[in-house]
Amino acid sequence: MIAPTVATAQIDVPDDRARGFDPAWTAALAAMIAAQGLLQPILVRLLPGGRYALVAGLHRLRAFGLLGRASIPVHISAAGSDDAARLDEVRENLGR
């Protein structure tokens, strides 16, 4: 199944993420994505007004930015609250 894509400019990154951001890892990941493509879409949640909130995949999202790509493949979370989205984030990071 091919994942839908969302414009990276439409994705908001919450301030209270469970994991930190590592610029060096993002640069390395961007090189890997350029060579082999994105293996796992990021996870986002649809917000009122048509924007999206990142649930999981900050390094992948930022790597796409480094590569100058305007959209990214996504899976849409069914989380109906911030707490449910946090659980999705933890599950996705542990599972991967």
Protein backbone atom coordinates (compact mmCIF):
# COMPACT_ATOMS: atom_id res chain seq x y z
CA MET A 1 0.00 0.00 0.00
CA ILE A 2 1.33 3.41 -0.97
CA ALA A 3 1.11 5.99 1.81
CA PRO A 4 -0.51 9.33 1.06
CA THR A 5 1.74 12.38 1.08
CA VAL A 6 1.36 15.66 2.95
CA ALA A 7 3.13 18.95 2.33
CA THR A 8 5.87 19.34 4.93
CA ALA A 9 4.75 22.95 5.44
CA GLN A 10 1.36 21.64 6.67
CA ILE A 11 2.93 19.64 9.52
CA ASP A 12 3.28 21.25 12.95
CA VAL A 13 5.83 19.82 15.39
CA PRO A 14 4.61 19.81 19.01
CA ASP A 15 6.98 21.33 21.57
CA ASP A 16 6.54 18.49 24.07
CA ARG A 17 7.96 15.61 22.05
CA ALA A 18 9.18 12.50 23.87
CA ARG A 19 12.47 12.35 21.95
CA GLY A 20 15.02 15.06 21.34
CA PHE A 21 16.36 16.23 17.99
CA ASP A 22 19.84 15.29 16.75
CA PRO A 23 21.02 17.35 13.74
CA ALA A 24 23.89 14.94 12.98
CA TRP A 25 21.50 11.96 12.86
CA THR A 26 19.17 13.98 10.61
CA ALA A 27 21.99 14.69 8.16
CA ALA A 28 22.97 11.00 8.10
CA LEU A 29 19.35 9.98 7.66
CA ALA A 30 18.93 12.45 4.79
CA ALA A 31 21.85 10.76 3.01
CA MET A 32 20.26 7.35 3.53
CA ILE A 33 16.86 8.57 2.28
CA ALA A 34 18.52 10.11 -0.78
CA ALA A 35 20.17 6.76 -1.54
CA GLN A 36 17.36 4.32 -0.82
CA GLY A 37 14.15 6.28 -0.31
CA LEU A 38 11.98 6.58 2.77
CA LEU A 39 11.34 3.13 4.23
CA GLN A 40 8.80 4.12 6.89
CA PRO A 41 6.32 7.00 6.49
CA ILE A 42 6.01 9.44 9.38
CA LEU A 43 2.96 9.41 11.65
CA VAL A 44 0.76 12.50 11.80
CA ARG A 45 -2.56 13.49 13.30
CA LEU A 46 -5.12 15.59 11.46
CA LEU A 47 -5.88 18.87 13.23
CA PRO A 48 -8.91 21.14 12.87
CA GLY A 49 -8.42 23.46 9.93
CA GLY A 50 -6.65 20.92 7.73
CA ARG A 51 -3.17 21.08 9.28
CA TYR A 52 -1.34 18.09 10.75
CA ALA A 53 0.56 17.51 14.00
CA LEU A 54 3.61 15.28 13.93
CA VAL A 55 3.19 12.22 16.11
CA ALA A 56 6.35 10.29 15.19
CA GLY A 57 9.15 10.82 12.70
CA LEU A 58 10.81 14.16 13.49
CA HIS A 59 14.19 13.11 12.09
CA ARG A 60 12.57 11.80 8.91
CA LEU A 61 10.57 15.03 8.54
CA ARG A 62 13.66 17.20 9.03
CA ALA A 63 15.67 14.97 6.66
CA PHE A 64 13.09 15.65 3.96
CA GLY A 65 13.57 19.35 4.64
CA LEU A 66 17.35 19.00 4.21
CA LEU A 67 16.72 17.25 0.91
CA GLY A 68 14.44 20.09 -0.22
CA ARG A 69 11.42 17.86 -0.60
CA ALA A 70 8.07 19.61 -0.29
CA SER A 71 5.97 16.60 0.72
CA ILE A 72 6.45 13.41 2.71
CA PRO A 73 4.64 10.05 2.91
CA VAL A 74 2.49 9.76 6.03
CA HIS A 75 0.33 7.42 8.02
CA ILE A 76 -2.62 9.17 9.69
CA SER A 77 -3.02 8.47 13.40
CA ALA A 78 -6.51 7.86 14.75
CA ALA A 79 -5.51 9.52 18.05
CA GLY A 80 -8.29 11.79 19.25
CA SER A 81 -6.31 13.54 21.98
CA ASP A 82 -2.81 14.73 22.81
CA ASP A 83 -2.46 11.84 25.30
CA ALA A 84 -3.48 9.26 22.69
CA ALA A 85 -1.04 10.82 20.21
CA ARG A 86 1.76 10.56 22.80
CA LEU A 87 0.99 6.84 23.19
CA ASP A 88 1.18 6.45 19.40
CA GLU A 89 4.54 8.25 19.43
CA VAL A 90 5.96 5.96 22.11
CA ARG A 91 4.63 2.82 20.40
CA GLU A 92 6.03 3.85 17.01
CA ASN A 93 9.47 4.62 18.45
CA LEU A 94 9.62 1.40 20.50
CA GLY A 95 8.33 -0.70 17.61
CA ARG A 96 10.81 0.67 15.13
